[in-house]
Amino acid sequence: MTNINYYEECVAYALIHKKIQAATLEEAGLRVYHRYDFNPQAIFAAVGKGGIVMPIISARFFAAEAEELVYSVITMVNKATQRITLFNPLKQVVQEYSLQAFLDQWVADGSDCVTAFHVEETTYHPAPIDLSVVQLSEDLKKLGEELAENAHEVWAMERQSEGWTYGPKRDDHKLQTPDMIPYAQLPDTEKQYDRLMATETIRLLIAKGYKISKG
């Protein structure tokens, strides 16, 4: 993505908020991840693990008239009150917002995000190929959705063969999971993993020189 503003301001605030004395995330010894199509559940998990989480969102969310995308910083998520606390880089203030309003705007803006975590000696360092420059046509996006749905069907069949059934919440002892439903009925937050795997596979094929076309 291009023309995303206020990165340095958000990094500076995030480091101060975490009481880290450094000029950049890398200088602080943090491992930085640029995430595309990041799902809300992953954001909640990252915040809960103490990571720096910087979602990319339209400036309009902060009541600005400018048509631009900006970085922000999540400092707290309260699921009980359905509120989220964000660093507003345009006004250099920390403010509380409706969690649902934030998610709606963030998803509409592409669900992109930067996260950063401390690195430990035992930390595994995955290094997937950067495929962010590979753009997919509408036909390939549709194919990605079909692949994601089929991946869910394969997963569900495998789980059923192991004895798993539907349950309102995951219970490993009873072998129950709320995901044992048709793909179309899954919430978007649960579809994201399958979508990411499907679209990244298609992007990798294109990056490697393969051509995908209907016979």
Protein backbone atom coordinates (compact mmCIF):
# COMPACT_ATOMS: atom_id res chain seq x y z
CA MET A 1 0.00 0.00 0.00
CA THR A 2 1.12 3.60 -0.58
CA ASN A 3 0.42 7.01 0.91
CA ILE A 4 -0.16 5.77 4.44
CA ASN A 5 0.76 8.56 6.82
CA TYR A 6 1.81 9.05 10.45
CA TYR A 7 3.93 5.92 10.74
CA GLU A 8 6.78 7.63 12.61
CA GLU A 9 4.38 9.39 14.98
CA CYS A 10 2.65 6.12 15.83
CA VAL A 11 5.94 4.28 16.33
CA ALA A 12 7.17 7.02 18.66
CA TYR A 13 3.98 6.91 20.71
CA ALA A 14 3.91 3.09 20.84
CA LEU A 15 7.49 2.91 22.11
CA ILE A 16 6.83 5.57 24.76
CA HIS A 17 3.63 3.75 25.79
CA LYS A 18 5.62 0.52 26.22
CA LYS A 19 8.38 2.43 28.06
CA ILE A 20 10.95 1.43 25.43
CA GLN A 21 13.81 3.80 24.74
CA ALA A 22 14.48 3.53 21.03
CA ALA A 23 13.90 5.48 17.84
CA THR A 24 12.44 2.64 15.78
CA LEU A 25 10.76 -0.71 16.32
CA GLU A 26 13.79 -2.46 14.86
CA GLU A 27 16.21 -0.53 17.06
CA ALA A 28 14.12 -1.67 20.04
CA GLY A 29 14.88 -5.27 19.06
CA LEU A 30 11.30 -5.98 18.05
CA ARG A 31 10.28 -8.26 15.20
CA VAL A 32 7.98 -6.32 12.90
CA TYR A 33 5.18 -7.89 10.87
CA HIS A 34 3.28 -6.16 8.09
CA ARG A 35 -0.06 -7.94 8.01
CA TYR A 36 -2.63 -7.83 5.24
CA ASP A 37 -6.24 -8.94 5.77
CA PHE A 38 -5.54 -9.17 9.52
CA ASN A 39 -8.63 -10.44 11.34
CA PRO A 40 -10.12 -8.94 14.52
CA GLN A 41 -9.49 -12.03 16.65
CA ALA A 42 -5.80 -11.87 15.77
CA ILE A 43 -5.73 -8.21 16.79
CA PHE A 44 -7.29 -9.03 20.17
CA ALA A 45 -4.74 -11.81 20.68
CA ALA A 46 -1.81 -9.57 19.71
CA VAL A 47 -2.92 -6.83 22.10
CA GLY A 48 -3.43 -9.42 24.84
CA LYS A 49 0.13 -10.72 24.34
CA GLY A 50 1.54 -7.26 24.87
CA GLY A 51 2.44 -6.59 21.26
CA ILE A 52 2.50 -3.23 19.52
CA VAL A 53 -0.50 -3.17 17.20
CA MET A 54 -0.80 -0.43 14.56
CA PRO A 55 -3.88 -0.80 12.34
CA ILE A 56 -4.18 1.21 9.13
CA ILE A 57 -7.46 3.07 8.92
CA SER A 58 -9.08 5.96 7.09
CA ALA A 59 -8.50 9.40 8.59
CA ARG A 60 -12.27 9.85 8.36
CA PHE A 61 -12.60 7.52 11.36
CA PHE A 62 -10.89 10.24 13.39
CA ALA A 63 -13.36 12.82 12.04
CA ALA A 64 -10.83 14.23 9.61
CA GLU A 65 -11.85 15.53 6.20
CA ALA A 66 -8.67 14.33 4.49
CA GLU A 67 -9.03 11.34 2.16
CA GLU A 68 -6.02 9.40 3.41
CA LEU A 69 -5.09 6.25 5.23
CA VAL A 70 -3.21 6.63 8.49
CA TYR A 71 -1.53 4.44 11.07
CA SER A 72 -2.92 4.35 14.58
CA VAL A 73 -2.00 2.47 17.76
CA ILE A 74 -4.29 0.24 19.81
CA THR A 75 -3.65 0.65 23.51
CA MET A 76 -6.61 -1.29 24.91
CA VAL A 77 -9.55 -3.44 23.83
CA ASN A 78 -12.45 -3.95 26.24
CA LYS A 79 -14.76 -6.64 24.91
CA ALA A 80 -17.07 -6.30 27.92
CA THR A 81 -17.89 -2.67 27.15
CA GLN A 82 -17.26 -3.05 23.39
CA ARG A 83 -14.84 -0.12 23.44
CA ILE A 84 -11.37 0.32 21.97
CA THR A 85 -8.71 2.85 22.93
CA LEU A 86 -6.61 4.25 20.09
CA PHE A 87 -3.82 6.75 19.62
CA ASN A 88 -5.17 9.35 17.19
CA PRO A 89 -2.08 10.52 15.26
CA LEU A 90 -3.85 13.48 13.66
CA LYS A 91 -4.48 15.14 17.03
CA GLN A 92 -1.72 13.35 18.98
CA VAL A 93 -4.22 12.18 21.61
CA VAL A 94 -5.48 8.87 22.99
CA GLN A 95 -9.23 8.43 22.68
CA GLU A 96 -11.87 5.76 23.24
CA TYR A 97 -14.13 4.60 20.42
CA SER A 98 -16.85 2.09 19.70
CA LEU A 99 -15.19 -1.25 18.99
CA GLN A 100 -17.73 -2.16 16.31
CA ALA A 101 -17.39 1.21 14.58
CA PHE A 102 -13.61 0.76 14.50
CA LEU A 103 -13.88 -2.79 13.11
CA ASP A 104 -16.38 -1.74 10.45
CA GLN A 105 -14.14 1.08 9.21
CA TRP A 106 -10.93 -0.93 9.48
CA VAL A 107 -12.34 -3.87 7.51
CA ALA A 108 -13.68 -1.47 4.87
CA ASP A 109 -10.19 0.01 4.57
CA GLY A 110 -8.56 -3.36 3.90
CA SER A 111 -7.81 -4.80 7.36
CA ASP A 112 -4.10 -3.97 7.10
CA CYS A 113 -1.95 -3.74 10.20
CA VAL A 114 1.60 -3.62 11.56
CA THR A 115 2.45 -5.60 14.70
CA ALA A 116 5.68 -5.87 16.65
CA PHE A 117 6.80 -8.25 19.39
CA HIS A 118 9.89 -8.87 21.49
CA VAL A 119 12.16 -11.58 20.10
CA GLU A 120 13.29 -14.41 22.35
CA GLU A 121 16.12 -16.86 21.68
CA THR A 122 13.62 -19.64 21.06
CA THR A 123 11.46 -17.52 18.75
CA TYR A 124 10.91 -19.14 15.37
CA HIS A 125 11.50 -16.68 12.51
CA PRO A 126 9.21 -17.58 9.60
CA ALA A 127 10.20 -15.83 6.37
CA PRO A 128 7.44 -16.16 3.77
CA ILE A 129 7.99 -14.56 0.38
CA ASP A 130 6.75 -10.96 0.30
CA LEU A 131 3.82 -11.10 -2.11
CA SER A 132 2.26 -7.74 -1.29
CA VAL A 133 3.07 -6.37 -4.76
CA VAL A 134 1.14 -9.14 -6.52
CA GLN A 135 -2.32 -7.87 -7.37
CA LEU A 136 -5.20 -10.26 -8.04
CA SER A 137 -7.89 -9.76 -10.65
CA GLU A 138 -11.54 -10.03 -9.66
CA ASP A 139 -11.66 -13.52 -11.20
CA LEU A 140 -8.71 -14.66 -9.09
CA LYS A 141 -10.21 -13.09 -5.97
CA LYS A 142 -13.35 -15.13 -6.66
CA LEU A 143 -11.19 -18.22 -7.13
CA GLY A 144 -9.53 -17.47 -3.81
CA GLU A 145 -12.90 -17.42 -2.10
CA GLU A 146 -13.82 -20.76 -3.69
CA LEU A 147 -10.50 -22.25 -2.53
CA ALA A 148 -11.11 -20.90 0.98
CA GLU A 149 -14.57 -22.48 1.08
CA ASN A 150 -13.21 -25.82 -0.13
CA ALA A 151 -10.42 -25.68 2.46
CA HIS A 152 -13.06 -25.29 5.15
CA GLU A 153 -15.02 -28.25 3.74
CA VAL A 154 -11.87 -30.42 3.81
CA TRP A 155 -11.12 -29.30 7.36
CA ALA A 156 -14.67 -30.06 8.50
CA MET A 157 -14.64 -33.50 6.90
CA GLU A 158 -11.33 -34.32 8.63
CA ARG A 159 -12.65 -33.13 11.99
CA GLN A 160 -15.85 -35.14 11.57
CA SER A 161 -13.78 -38.24 10.84
CA GLU A 162 -12.15 -37.67 14.22
CA GLY A 163 -15.52 -37.38 15.97
CA TRP A 164 -15.87 -33.61 16.17
CA THR A 165 -19.37 -32.10 16.12
CA TYR A 166 -20.92 -28.66 16.44
CA GLY A 167 -20.93 -26.95 19.83
CA PRO A 168 -21.59 -23.33 20.92
CA LYS A 169 -17.98 -23.07 22.11
CA ARG A 170 -14.81 -25.07 21.54
CA ASP A 171 -14.49 -28.01 23.89
CA ASP A 172 -11.56 -30.33 23.18
CA HIS A 173 -12.82 -32.89 25.71
CA LYS A 174 -16.26 -33.18 24.07
CA LEU A 175 -14.79 -32.70 20.57
CA GLN A 176 -17.10 -29.77 19.86
CA THR A 177 -16.44 -26.56 17.95
CA PRO A 178 -18.64 -23.68 16.76
CA ASP A 179 -16.85 -23.81 13.39
CA MET A 180 -18.53 -27.07 12.41
CA ILE A 181 -20.99 -25.22 10.15
CA PRO A 182 -21.07 -24.41 6.41
CA TYR A 183 -18.49 -21.87 5.26
CA ALA A 184 -21.23 -19.39 4.27
CA GLN A 185 -22.47 -19.32 7.86
CA LEU A 186 -19.05 -18.61 9.38
CA PRO A 187 -18.43 -15.06 10.61
CA ASP A 188 -15.92 -13.15 8.49
CA THR A 189 -13.40 -13.27 11.33
CA GLU A 190 -13.32 -17.07 11.00
CA LYS A 191 -13.21 -17.02 7.19
CA GLN A 192 -10.08 -14.87 7.16
CA TYR A 193 -7.59 -17.67 7.83
CA ASP A 194 -8.84 -19.78 4.90
CA ARG A 195 -9.00 -16.70 2.68
CA LEU A 196 -5.44 -15.71 3.55
CA MET A 197 -4.07 -19.17 2.80
CA ALA A 198 -5.95 -19.30 -0.51
CA THR A 199 -5.04 -15.84 -1.79
CA GLU A 200 -1.39 -16.12 -0.69
CA THR A 201 -1.12 -19.45 -2.55
CA ILE A 202 -2.49 -17.84 -5.71
CA ARG A 203 -0.12 -14.87 -5.32
CA LEU A 204 2.83 -17.24 -4.87
CA LEU A 205 1.97 -19.12 -8.07
CA ILE A 206 1.83 -15.85 -9.99
CA ALA A 207 5.07 -14.60 -8.45
CA LYS A 208 6.75 -17.85 -9.53
CA GLY A 209 5.67 -17.30 -13.12
CA TYR A 210 2.71 -19.66 -13.28
CA LYS A 211 -0.34 -18.55 -15.23
CA ILE A 212 -3.84 -19.33 -13.98
CA SER A 213 -6.55 -19.44 -16.61
CA LYS A 214 -9.80 -21.24 -17.27
CA GLY A 215 -9.51 -24.15 -19.67
